[in-house]
Amino acid sequence: MRDFISGTYRHQIDEKGRIRIPAKIKDLLGEKLWISIGDQENLVIYNEHTIDKMYDKYGEMESGDPAYRRQRYIFANTFRFQGDAQNRFQIPQILRDLIGLKNEALFVGMANRLEIWREDTYLATLAEDNPNRVIKGVGEGE
C-alpha cells in the first residue's frame, strides 16, 4: 500500500508565525518543501515532486494565455518552507494575512500535500461541501 498524507491535526502558531509539522506527516512530505496560497481560503504545503509538476504546468505559460493570472497568483504567493533547528516552520506574514491565520491552525492531509486552514473556515467549507451532515468541532467525540 502506498503511504499518503491524511488526517486532521490542530496546532498552535507562535508569536513569530512559526508552526510545527507533525513528525509522521513531515516524513511523508520529504525534505524540500514550499508553502503557497490554496484555492479555498487555505494554505498548501507542497513537496518537491508536486511543486515540479506545478512548474511544468504553469512555468512556461505566456502572458496571452487565459490562465496566466492564475500563474501569477500561484508563484507570487509560493515560498520555500524550511524548518529551523527546533523543527518550526515560519509561515510568511503575507500568507497568514491572506487567510486571517492567527494563533492556531488545522493541518489537513490531502494525499500528496498538506493544507493549513483556520478552523472556522475549514468547518464552513466542509458544511458547504456536505450540507446534509452536521459538522461540529475538529476532535470532538474522539
N, C-alpha and C. Protein backbone atom coordinates (compact mmCIF):
# COMPACT_ATOMS: atom_id res chain seq x y z
N MET A 1 0.83 -1.18 0.00
CA MET A 1 0.00 0.00 0.00
C MET A 1 0.88 1.25 0.00
N ARG A 2 0.46 2.24 -0.69
CA ARG A 2 1.19 3.50 -0.82
C ARG A 2 0.98 4.36 0.43
N ASP A 3 2.06 4.99 0.91
CA ASP A 3 1.94 5.95 2.01
C ASP A 3 1.39 7.25 1.46
N PHE A 4 0.51 7.88 2.20
CA PHE A 4 -0.02 9.16 1.77
C PHE A 4 -0.32 10.02 3.00
N ILE A 5 -0.51 11.29 2.77
CA ILE A 5 -0.73 12.25 3.84
C ILE A 5 -2.23 12.32 4.12
N SER A 6 -2.61 12.06 5.36
CA SER A 6 -4.02 12.05 5.72
C SER A 6 -4.19 12.53 7.16
N GLY A 7 -5.43 12.74 7.54
CA GLY A 7 -5.75 13.14 8.91
C GLY A 7 -5.90 14.64 9.05
N THR A 8 -6.42 15.05 10.21
CA THR A 8 -6.60 16.45 10.55
C THR A 8 -5.99 16.67 11.93
N TYR A 9 -5.16 17.71 12.04
CA TYR A 9 -4.41 17.98 13.26
C TYR A 9 -4.48 19.46 13.60
N ARG A 10 -4.72 19.77 14.85
CA ARG A 10 -4.76 21.15 15.33
C ARG A 10 -3.39 21.49 15.92
N HIS A 11 -2.84 22.66 15.53
CA HIS A 11 -1.53 23.08 16.05
C HIS A 11 -1.52 24.57 16.34
N GLN A 12 -0.70 24.93 17.33
CA GLN A 12 -0.52 26.32 17.71
C GLN A 12 0.48 27.00 16.77
N ILE A 13 0.26 28.29 16.56
CA ILE A 13 1.20 29.14 15.82
C ILE A 13 1.80 30.08 16.84
N ASP A 14 3.12 30.19 16.90
CA ASP A 14 3.72 31.08 17.89
C ASP A 14 3.66 32.53 17.43
N GLU A 15 4.12 33.43 18.28
CA GLU A 15 4.01 34.87 18.01
C GLU A 15 4.81 35.30 16.78
N LYS A 16 5.75 34.49 16.33
CA LYS A 16 6.53 34.81 15.13
C LYS A 16 5.98 34.13 13.88
N GLY A 17 4.84 33.46 14.02
CA GLY A 17 4.22 32.80 12.87
C GLY A 17 4.81 31.45 12.55
N ARG A 18 5.44 30.82 13.54
CA ARG A 18 6.05 29.50 13.32
C ARG A 18 5.11 28.40 13.80
N ILE A 19 5.20 27.28 13.12
CA ILE A 19 4.35 26.12 13.44
C ILE A 19 5.17 24.85 13.26
N ARG A 20 4.81 23.83 13.96
CA ARG A 20 5.49 22.53 13.81
C ARG A 20 4.61 21.61 12.97
N ILE A 21 5.23 20.89 12.07
CA ILE A 21 4.52 19.89 11.26
C ILE A 21 4.65 18.56 12.00
N PRO A 22 3.55 17.84 12.20
CA PRO A 22 3.65 16.54 12.87
C PRO A 22 4.72 15.67 12.20
N ALA A 23 5.56 15.02 13.01
CA ALA A 23 6.72 14.27 12.50
C ALA A 23 6.34 13.24 11.45
N LYS A 24 5.26 12.49 11.68
CA LYS A 24 4.90 11.45 10.72
C LYS A 24 4.48 12.06 9.37
N ILE A 25 3.88 13.25 9.41
CA ILE A 25 3.50 13.94 8.17
C ILE A 25 4.74 14.51 7.49
N LYS A 26 5.63 15.10 8.28
CA LYS A 26 6.86 15.69 7.73
C LYS A 26 7.67 14.63 7.00
N ASP A 27 7.75 13.44 7.56
CA ASP A 27 8.48 12.34 6.91
C ASP A 27 7.87 11.99 5.55
N LEU A 28 6.55 12.03 5.45
CA LEU A 28 5.88 11.72 4.19
C LEU A 28 6.07 12.84 3.16
N LEU A 29 6.13 14.09 3.63
CA LEU A 29 6.31 15.22 2.73
C LEU A 29 7.70 15.25 2.11
N GLY A 30 8.72 14.94 2.89
CA GLY A 30 10.09 14.98 2.39
C GLY A 30 10.83 16.20 2.91
N GLU A 31 12.00 16.45 2.34
CA GLU A 31 12.89 17.49 2.84
C GLU A 31 12.65 18.87 2.24
N LYS A 32 12.48 18.95 0.93
CA LYS A 32 12.33 20.24 0.27
C LYS A 32 10.85 20.58 0.13
N LEU A 33 10.43 21.62 0.86
CA LEU A 33 9.02 21.99 0.91
C LEU A 33 8.81 23.43 0.45
N TRP A 34 7.61 23.70 -0.04
CA TRP A 34 7.16 25.04 -0.41
C TRP A 34 5.78 25.23 0.19
N ILE A 35 5.46 26.48 0.52
CA ILE A 35 4.13 26.82 1.02
C ILE A 35 3.53 27.86 0.08
N SER A 36 2.24 27.72 -0.18
CA SER A 36 1.56 28.59 -1.13
C SER A 36 0.13 28.82 -0.70
N ILE A 37 -0.49 29.79 -1.33
CA ILE A 37 -1.91 30.05 -1.12
C ILE A 37 -2.70 28.92 -1.78
N GLY A 38 -3.76 28.47 -1.11
CA GLY A 38 -4.61 27.44 -1.68
C GLY A 38 -5.76 28.06 -2.46
N ASP A 39 -6.72 27.25 -2.83
CA ASP A 39 -7.83 27.74 -3.64
C ASP A 39 -9.13 27.91 -2.84
N GLN A 40 -9.09 27.71 -1.52
CA GLN A 40 -10.30 27.85 -0.71
C GLN A 40 -10.00 28.54 0.61
N GLU A 41 -9.36 29.70 0.58
CA GLU A 41 -9.00 30.41 1.81
C GLU A 41 -8.16 29.53 2.73
N ASN A 42 -7.21 28.84 2.15
CA ASN A 42 -6.30 27.98 2.89
C ASN A 42 -4.89 28.14 2.33
N LEU A 43 -3.95 27.48 2.99
CA LEU A 43 -2.57 27.42 2.50
C LEU A 43 -2.28 25.96 2.18
N VAL A 44 -1.27 25.74 1.34
CA VAL A 44 -0.91 24.38 0.96
C VAL A 44 0.61 24.23 1.04
N ILE A 45 1.04 23.13 1.64
CA ILE A 45 2.46 22.78 1.68
C ILE A 45 2.68 21.71 0.63
N TYR A 46 3.60 22.00 -0.29
CA TYR A 46 3.92 21.07 -1.38
C TYR A 46 5.31 20.50 -1.19
N ASN A 47 5.49 19.26 -1.62
CA ASN A 47 6.83 18.69 -1.64
C ASN A 47 7.48 18.98 -3.00
N GLU A 48 8.72 18.57 -3.14
CA GLU A 48 9.49 18.86 -4.34
C GLU A 48 8.84 18.29 -5.60
N HIS A 49 8.35 17.08 -5.53
CA HIS A 49 7.74 16.44 -6.69
C HIS A 49 6.50 17.21 -7.17
N THR A 50 5.66 17.60 -6.22
CA THR A 50 4.42 18.30 -6.57
C THR A 50 4.70 19.70 -7.10
N ILE A 51 5.67 20.41 -6.51
CA ILE A 51 6.00 21.75 -6.99
C ILE A 51 6.60 21.68 -8.39
N ASP A 52 7.36 20.63 -8.67
CA ASP A 52 7.90 20.44 -10.03
C ASP A 52 6.77 20.27 -11.04
N LYS A 53 5.74 19.53 -10.67
CA LYS A 53 4.58 19.35 -11.56
C LYS A 53 3.85 20.68 -11.78
N MET A 54 3.75 21.49 -10.74
CA MET A 54 3.13 22.81 -10.89
C MET A 54 3.94 23.68 -11.85
N TYR A 55 5.26 23.63 -11.70
CA TYR A 55 6.11 24.41 -12.61
C TYR A 55 5.91 23.94 -14.05
N ASP A 56 5.88 22.63 -14.24
CA ASP A 56 5.68 22.10 -15.60
C ASP A 56 4.36 22.59 -16.19
N LYS A 57 3.34 22.72 -15.37
CA LYS A 57 2.03 23.15 -15.85
C LYS A 57 1.99 24.66 -16.10
N TYR A 58 2.55 25.45 -15.19
CA TYR A 58 2.39 26.90 -15.26
C TYR A 58 3.66 27.69 -15.62
N GLY A 59 4.82 27.11 -15.42
CA GLY A 59 6.07 27.85 -15.52
C GLY A 59 6.41 28.42 -16.88
N GLU A 60 5.98 27.79 -17.92
CA GLU A 60 6.31 28.25 -19.28
C GLU A 60 5.16 28.98 -19.95
N MET A 61 4.16 29.31 -19.20
CA MET A 61 2.96 29.94 -19.74
C MET A 61 3.25 31.35 -20.27
N GLU A 62 2.68 31.69 -21.39
CA GLU A 62 2.84 33.02 -21.98
C GLU A 62 1.78 33.96 -21.42
N SER A 63 2.07 35.26 -21.44
CA SER A 63 1.15 36.24 -20.85
C SER A 63 -0.20 36.29 -21.56
N GLY A 64 -0.28 35.84 -22.80
CA GLY A 64 -1.55 35.84 -23.52
C GLY A 64 -2.45 34.67 -23.17
N ASP A 65 -1.91 33.69 -22.47
CA ASP A 65 -2.69 32.52 -22.07
C ASP A 65 -3.76 32.94 -21.05
N PRO A 66 -5.00 32.47 -21.21
CA PRO A 66 -6.07 32.84 -20.27
C PRO A 66 -5.76 32.47 -18.81
N ALA A 67 -4.94 31.47 -18.59
CA ALA A 67 -4.62 31.04 -17.22
C ALA A 67 -3.40 31.77 -16.65
N TYR A 68 -2.89 32.77 -17.36
CA TYR A 68 -1.68 33.48 -16.92
C TYR A 68 -1.87 34.13 -15.54
N ARG A 69 -3.04 34.67 -15.29
CA ARG A 69 -3.28 35.30 -13.98
C ARG A 69 -3.18 34.28 -12.86
N ARG A 70 -3.63 33.07 -13.12
CA ARG A 70 -3.50 32.01 -12.10
C ARG A 70 -2.03 31.72 -11.84
N GLN A 71 -1.21 31.72 -12.88
CA GLN A 71 0.22 31.50 -12.72
C GLN A 71 0.81 32.57 -11.79
N ARG A 72 0.47 33.83 -12.02
CA ARG A 72 0.98 34.91 -11.18
C ARG A 72 0.53 34.73 -9.74
N TYR A 73 -0.72 34.43 -9.55
CA TYR A 73 -1.28 34.24 -8.21
C TYR A 73 -0.56 33.12 -7.47
N ILE A 74 -0.32 32.03 -8.16
CA ILE A 74 0.35 30.89 -7.53
C ILE A 74 1.80 31.22 -7.19
N PHE A 75 2.59 31.63 -8.16
CA PHE A 75 4.02 31.80 -7.92
C PHE A 75 4.35 33.03 -7.10
N ALA A 76 3.53 34.07 -7.14
CA ALA A 76 3.76 35.25 -6.29
C ALA A 76 3.51 34.93 -4.82
N ASN A 77 2.74 33.89 -4.58
CA ASN A 77 2.39 33.52 -3.21
C ASN A 77 2.94 32.15 -2.83
N THR A 78 4.06 31.75 -3.43
CA THR A 78 4.72 30.50 -3.10
C THR A 78 6.10 30.80 -2.55
N PHE A 79 6.43 30.20 -1.41
CA PHE A 79 7.68 30.47 -0.72
C PHE A 79 8.32 29.15 -0.30
N ARG A 80 9.65 29.14 -0.29
CA ARG A 80 10.39 27.98 0.24
C ARG A 80 10.00 27.86 1.71
N PHE A 81 9.78 26.66 2.18
CA PHE A 81 9.29 26.41 3.54
C PHE A 81 10.29 25.52 4.25
N GLN A 82 11.16 26.14 5.06
CA GLN A 82 12.23 25.39 5.72
C GLN A 82 12.07 25.46 7.23
N GLY A 83 12.35 24.35 7.88
CA GLY A 83 12.29 24.30 9.33
C GLY A 83 13.58 24.80 9.95
N ASP A 84 13.48 25.26 11.19
CA ASP A 84 14.67 25.68 11.92
C ASP A 84 15.20 24.50 12.74
N ALA A 85 16.15 24.76 13.61
CA ALA A 85 16.77 23.69 14.40
C ALA A 85 15.78 23.00 15.33
N GLN A 86 14.69 23.70 15.71
CA GLN A 86 13.67 23.11 16.58
C GLN A 86 12.49 22.56 15.77
N ASN A 87 12.67 22.41 14.46
CA ASN A 87 11.64 21.87 13.56
C ASN A 87 10.38 22.75 13.53
N ARG A 88 10.59 24.08 13.60
CA ARG A 88 9.50 25.03 13.46
C ARG A 88 9.59 25.64 12.07
N PHE A 89 8.44 25.81 11.43
CA PHE A 89 8.37 26.34 10.08
C PHE A 89 7.69 27.70 10.11
N GLN A 90 8.34 28.70 9.53
CA GLN A 90 7.82 30.07 9.50
C GLN A 90 6.82 30.22 8.36
N ILE A 91 5.58 30.55 8.70
CA ILE A 91 4.57 30.84 7.68
C ILE A 91 4.73 32.32 7.32
N PRO A 92 5.01 32.65 6.07
CA PRO A 92 5.20 34.06 5.70
C PRO A 92 4.00 34.91 6.10
N GLN A 93 4.30 36.11 6.58
CA GLN A 93 3.25 37.03 7.05
C GLN A 93 2.20 37.28 5.98
N ILE A 94 2.62 37.45 4.73
CA ILE A 94 1.65 37.73 3.66
C ILE A 94 0.64 36.60 3.52
N LEU A 95 1.07 35.36 3.70
CA LEU A 95 0.14 34.23 3.61
C LEU A 95 -0.77 34.17 4.83
N ARG A 96 -0.22 34.45 6.01
CA ARG A 96 -1.07 34.49 7.21
C ARG A 96 -2.14 35.56 7.06
N ASP A 97 -1.74 36.72 6.54
CA ASP A 97 -2.70 37.81 6.35
C ASP A 97 -3.77 37.46 5.32
N LEU A 98 -3.38 36.79 4.24
CA LEU A 98 -4.34 36.47 3.18
C LEU A 98 -5.50 35.61 3.67
N ILE A 99 -5.24 34.72 4.62
CA ILE A 99 -6.32 33.85 5.10
C ILE A 99 -6.73 34.17 6.54
N GLY A 100 -6.13 35.18 7.15
CA GLY A 100 -6.50 35.56 8.50
C GLY A 100 -6.04 34.59 9.57
N LEU A 101 -4.91 33.95 9.35
CA LEU A 101 -4.38 32.96 10.29
C LEU A 101 -3.74 33.67 11.47
N LYS A 102 -4.11 33.26 12.68
CA LYS A 102 -3.61 33.92 13.90
C LYS A 102 -2.81 32.96 14.77
N ASN A 103 -3.43 32.40 15.80
CA ASN A 103 -2.73 31.64 16.83
C ASN A 103 -2.84 30.13 16.70
N GLU A 104 -3.77 29.66 15.88
CA GLU A 104 -4.00 28.23 15.76
C GLU A 104 -4.34 27.89 14.32
N ALA A 105 -3.96 26.68 13.92
CA ALA A 105 -4.24 26.24 12.55
C ALA A 105 -4.58 24.76 12.55
N LEU A 106 -5.29 24.36 11.52
CA LEU A 106 -5.54 22.94 11.28
C LEU A 106 -4.68 22.50 10.12
N PHE A 107 -4.01 21.37 10.29
CA PHE A 107 -3.35 20.69 9.19
C PHE A 107 -4.34 19.67 8.67
N VAL A 108 -4.54 19.63 7.36
CA VAL A 108 -5.44 18.66 6.74
C VAL A 108 -4.65 17.92 5.68
N GLY A 109 -4.50 16.61 5.86
CA GLY A 109 -3.77 15.79 4.90
C GLY A 109 -4.58 15.59 3.63
N MET A 110 -3.93 15.77 2.49
CA MET A 110 -4.60 15.66 1.20
C MET A 110 -3.75 14.83 0.22
N ALA A 111 -3.47 13.60 0.60
CA ALA A 111 -2.76 12.63 -0.24
C ALA A 111 -1.29 13.00 -0.44
N ASN A 112 -0.99 13.95 -1.36
CA ASN A 112 0.41 14.29 -1.64
C ASN A 112 0.78 15.69 -1.18
N ARG A 113 -0.10 16.33 -0.41
CA ARG A 113 0.18 17.68 0.09
C ARG A 113 -0.52 17.85 1.44
N LEU A 114 -0.18 18.94 2.10
CA LEU A 114 -0.75 19.24 3.41
C LEU A 114 -1.36 20.63 3.37
N GLU A 115 -2.62 20.72 3.74
CA GLU A 115 -3.29 22.02 3.76
C GLU A 115 -3.24 22.60 5.17
N ILE A 116 -3.26 23.94 5.24
CA ILE A 116 -3.35 24.66 6.51
C ILE A 116 -4.59 25.54 6.44
N TRP A 117 -5.44 25.43 7.45
CA TRP A 117 -6.71 26.15 7.49
C TRP A 117 -6.89 26.85 8.83
N ARG A 118 -7.69 27.92 8.83
CA ARG A 118 -8.31 28.40 10.05
C ARG A 118 -9.46 27.43 10.32
N GLU A 119 -9.66 27.05 11.56
CA GLU A 119 -10.69 26.03 11.86
C GLU A 119 -12.08 26.47 11.43
N ASP A 120 -12.45 27.72 11.68
CA ASP A 120 -13.79 28.16 11.31
C ASP A 120 -14.01 28.11 9.80
N THR A 121 -13.01 28.47 9.05
CA THR A 121 -13.12 28.42 7.59
C THR A 121 -13.22 26.98 7.10
N TYR A 122 -12.41 26.11 7.68
CA TYR A 122 -12.44 24.70 7.30
C TYR A 122 -13.81 24.08 7.58
N LEU A 123 -14.36 24.33 8.77
CA LEU A 123 -15.66 23.76 9.12
C LEU A 123 -16.76 24.31 8.23
N ALA A 124 -16.69 25.60 7.90
CA ALA A 124 -17.69 26.18 7.00
C ALA A 124 -17.59 25.56 5.61
N THR A 125 -16.37 25.33 5.15
CA THR A 125 -16.16 24.71 3.83
C THR A 125 -16.70 23.28 3.83
N LEU A 126 -16.43 22.53 4.90
CA LEU A 126 -16.97 21.17 5.00
C LEU A 126 -18.49 21.18 4.99
N ALA A 127 -19.09 22.13 5.69
CA ALA A 127 -20.55 22.22 5.74
C ALA A 127 -21.13 22.52 4.36
N GLU A 128 -20.45 23.38 3.59
CA GLU A 128 -20.90 23.68 2.22
C GLU A 128 -20.76 22.45 1.33
N ASP A 129 -19.66 21.72 1.50
CA ASP A 129 -19.42 20.54 0.67
C ASP A 129 -20.33 19.38 1.04
N ASN A 130 -20.78 19.34 2.28
CA ASN A 130 -21.60 18.24 2.80
C ASN A 130 -22.81 18.82 3.55
N PRO A 131 -23.74 19.46 2.85
CA PRO A 131 -24.83 20.16 3.54
C PRO A 131 -25.77 19.26 4.33
N ASN A 132 -25.78 17.97 4.10
CA ASN A 132 -26.67 17.08 4.81
C ASN A 132 -26.07 16.53 6.10
N ARG A 133 -24.83 16.92 6.39
CA ARG A 133 -24.17 16.45 7.61
C ARG A 133 -23.86 17.62 8.52
N VAL A 134 -24.06 17.44 9.77
CA VAL A 134 -23.69 18.47 10.75
C VAL A 134 -22.26 18.19 11.16
N ILE A 135 -21.41 19.18 10.96
CA ILE A 135 -20.00 19.02 11.32
C ILE A 135 -19.72 19.94 12.49
N LYS A 136 -19.30 19.35 13.59
CA LYS A 136 -19.01 20.13 14.78
C LYS A 136 -17.52 20.45 14.80
N GLY A 137 -16.94 20.59 15.94
CA GLY A 137 -15.52 20.93 16.06
C GLY A 137 -14.63 19.76 15.73
N VAL A 138 -13.44 20.05 15.25
CA VAL A 138 -12.45 19.01 14.97
C VAL A 138 -12.00 18.41 16.29
N GLY A 139 -11.97 17.10 16.35
CA GLY A 139 -11.51 16.41 17.55
C GLY A 139 -12.61 16.12 18.56
N GLU A 140 -13.82 16.63 18.35
CA GLU A 140 -14.90 16.34 19.28
C GLU A 140 -15.33 14.89 19.11
N GLY A 141 -15.62 14.24 20.20
CA GLY A 141 -16.11 12.86 20.15
C GLY A 141 -15.01 11.85 19.93
N GLU A 142 -13.76 12.28 20.06
CA GLU A 142 -12.66 11.31 19.87
C GLU A 142 -12.50 10.42 21.06
